[in-house]
Amino acid sequence: MKMRKGFTLPELIVVTAVAGLIFIVFFIQKANVDAMNRDDTRKTAINAMYYALEEGFYAENGYYPESISEDNLKAMDPALFTDPNGINLGKDGSNYSYEPGNCKDGKCKEYILRATLEKEDIYIKRNRN
C-alpha cells in the first residue's frame, strides 16, 4: 500500500476551527483591552481637572468656577478637555461633565466631575474643600 503525503479533510477542518476560535478570542480580548485603555484615559483627564481645580484655581481664588475650560485651568493640558471620542467637555455627547454647586455671582463652593466609562461605573470626583 502506497502512503500519500498531506492532510486529510477532517484534520484540515479541525485545524481551521481551532484557528478561527483563537482569532475570535483574540479580537474579543483586544476590544476589551482597548476599552479599558480609553477608560484609563478618561480617569486621567478627570484627575487632571480635579487637581487643576484644587491646587490651581481654588488655591488662588478661594472658590470654584461656574464652568471650566482651558481659559481658567491654564496649568492643565488643553487636550485633556477632549474625551477619547473627540468631544469637548460641556458639549452634548461628551464623556466628561462638570457640575458646579452652591454658586453665587459666578463663585461656587462645590462641584462634581464625572466621566462615563465603558467597562466600569461612572467615575466621580468631588471638591475637596
Protein backbone atom coordinates (compact mmCIF):
# COMPACT_ATOMS: atom_id res chain seq x y z
CA MET A 1 0.00 0.00 0.00
CA LYS A 2 1.29 3.38 -1.01
CA MET A 3 1.42 6.22 1.62
CA ARG A 4 0.08 9.54 0.47
CA LYS A 5 1.56 12.75 1.78
CA GLY A 6 -0.69 15.55 3.01
CA PHE A 7 -3.55 16.14 5.39
CA THR A 8 -6.94 14.56 5.48
CA LEU A 9 -10.10 16.65 5.22
CA PRO A 10 -11.07 16.10 8.91
CA GLU A 11 -7.61 17.27 10.01
CA LEU A 12 -7.92 20.45 7.96
CA ILE A 13 -11.41 21.15 9.35
CA VAL A 14 -10.20 20.73 12.96
CA VAL A 15 -7.16 23.00 12.41
CA THR A 16 -9.31 25.66 10.72
CA ALA A 17 -11.90 25.54 13.52
CA VAL A 18 -9.22 25.88 16.22
CA ALA A 19 -7.54 28.77 14.37
CA GLY A 20 -10.91 30.50 13.96
CA LEU A 21 -11.65 30.13 17.67
CA ILE A 22 -8.26 31.58 18.57
CA PHE A 23 -8.87 34.59 16.30
CA ILE A 24 -12.31 35.20 17.81
CA VAL A 25 -10.93 35.11 21.38
CA PHE A 26 -8.05 37.39 20.37
CA PHE A 27 -10.31 40.07 18.88
CA ILE A 28 -12.72 39.97 21.83
CA GLN A 29 -9.82 40.43 24.25
CA LYS A 30 -8.34 43.19 22.10
CA ALA A 31 -11.65 45.07 22.18
CA ASN A 32 -11.75 44.73 26.00
CA VAL A 33 -8.18 45.99 26.37
CA ASP A 34 -8.87 48.95 24.07
CA ALA A 35 -11.97 49.88 26.11
CA MET A 36 -10.00 49.68 29.37
CA ASN A 37 -7.32 51.94 27.88
CA ARG A 38 -9.96 54.50 26.89
CA ASP A 39 -11.36 54.31 30.45
CA ASP A 40 -7.87 54.94 31.86
CA THR A 41 -7.57 57.98 29.58
CA ARG A 42 -10.89 59.30 30.90
CA LYS A 43 -9.81 58.80 34.53
CA THR A 44 -6.51 60.57 33.85
CA ALA A 45 -8.35 63.56 32.38
CA ILE A 46 -10.78 63.80 35.32
CA ASN A 47 -7.90 63.57 37.79
CA ALA A 48 -6.03 66.33 35.93
CA MET A 49 -9.12 68.56 36.04
CA TYR A 50 -9.57 67.79 39.74
CA TYR A 51 -6.00 68.71 40.66
CA ALA A 52 -6.05 71.80 38.44
CA LEU A 53 -9.22 72.94 40.23
CA GLU A 54 -7.99 72.16 43.74
CA GLU A 55 -4.28 73.02 43.56
CA GLY A 56 -4.56 75.79 41.00
CA PHE A 57 -7.87 77.58 40.75
CA TYR A 58 -9.17 77.16 44.32
CA ALA A 59 -5.77 77.80 45.91
CA GLU A 60 -5.54 81.14 44.06
CA ASN A 61 -9.18 82.27 44.23
CA GLY A 62 -10.80 80.58 47.22
CA TYR A 63 -13.79 79.40 45.18
CA TYR A 64 -14.60 77.16 42.19
CA PRO A 65 -15.67 78.45 38.75
CA GLU A 66 -19.15 78.01 37.25
CA SER A 67 -17.59 76.35 34.21
CA ILE A 68 -14.16 75.02 33.39
CA SER A 69 -12.11 75.33 30.24
CA GLU A 70 -8.55 75.84 29.15
CA ASP A 71 -9.06 79.56 29.88
CA ASN A 72 -9.45 79.17 33.64
CA LEU A 73 -7.44 75.95 34.14
CA LYS A 74 -4.27 77.08 32.40
CA ALA A 75 -1.98 74.61 34.21
CA MET A 76 -3.76 71.70 32.57
CA ASP A 77 -3.06 70.25 29.13
CA PRO A 78 -5.92 71.55 26.91
CA ALA A 79 -6.10 68.20 25.09
CA LEU A 80 -7.47 66.60 28.27
CA PHE A 81 -10.74 68.53 27.89
CA THR A 82 -11.48 66.33 24.85
CA ASP A 83 -12.72 62.80 25.54
CA PRO A 84 -11.49 59.72 23.61
CA ASN A 85 -14.42 60.17 21.20
CA GLY A 86 -13.19 63.66 20.27
CA ILE A 87 -15.96 65.59 22.08
CA ASN A 88 -15.04 68.50 24.36
CA LEU A 89 -16.19 68.88 27.95
CA GLY A 90 -19.57 70.58 28.13
CA LYS A 91 -20.69 69.54 24.63
CA ASP A 92 -23.57 67.13 24.01
CA GLY A 93 -22.38 63.54 24.00
CA SER A 94 -19.15 64.20 25.92
CA ASN A 95 -17.99 61.53 28.36
CA TYR A 96 -16.96 64.34 30.75
CA SER A 97 -19.14 66.65 32.81
CA TYR A 98 -18.52 69.42 35.32
CA GLU A 99 -21.40 70.24 37.65
CA PRO A 100 -20.87 73.26 39.90
CA GLY A 101 -22.97 73.68 43.00
CA ASN A 102 -23.89 76.27 45.59
CA CYS A 103 -22.96 79.16 43.28
CA LYS A 104 -23.43 82.87 43.78
CA ASP A 105 -22.16 85.60 41.46
CA GLY A 106 -20.05 83.13 39.48
CA LYS A 107 -18.34 81.78 42.59
CA CYS A 108 -19.13 78.20 43.56
CA LYS A 109 -18.48 76.32 46.78
CA GLU A 110 -18.63 72.80 45.35
CA TYR A 111 -18.55 70.75 42.17
CA ILE A 112 -18.75 67.23 40.78
CA LEU A 113 -16.59 65.96 37.93
CA ARG A 114 -17.86 62.86 36.11
CA ALA A 115 -16.58 60.57 33.39
CA THR A 116 -18.77 57.94 31.76
CA LEU A 117 -16.70 54.76 31.41
CA GLU A 118 -17.19 51.75 29.15
CA LYS A 119 -16.12 48.92 31.46
CA GLU A 120 -16.85 50.41 34.89
CA ASP A 121 -19.36 52.59 36.68
CA ILE A 122 -19.25 56.36 36.30
CA TYR A 123 -16.00 57.83 37.65
CA ILE A 124 -16.72 60.72 40.03
CA LYS A 125 -14.54 63.31 41.76
CA ARG A 126 -15.98 65.85 44.21
CA ASN A 127 -14.49 69.04 45.58
CA ARG A 128 -12.03 68.62 48.42
CA ASN A 129 -12.68 71.91 50.25
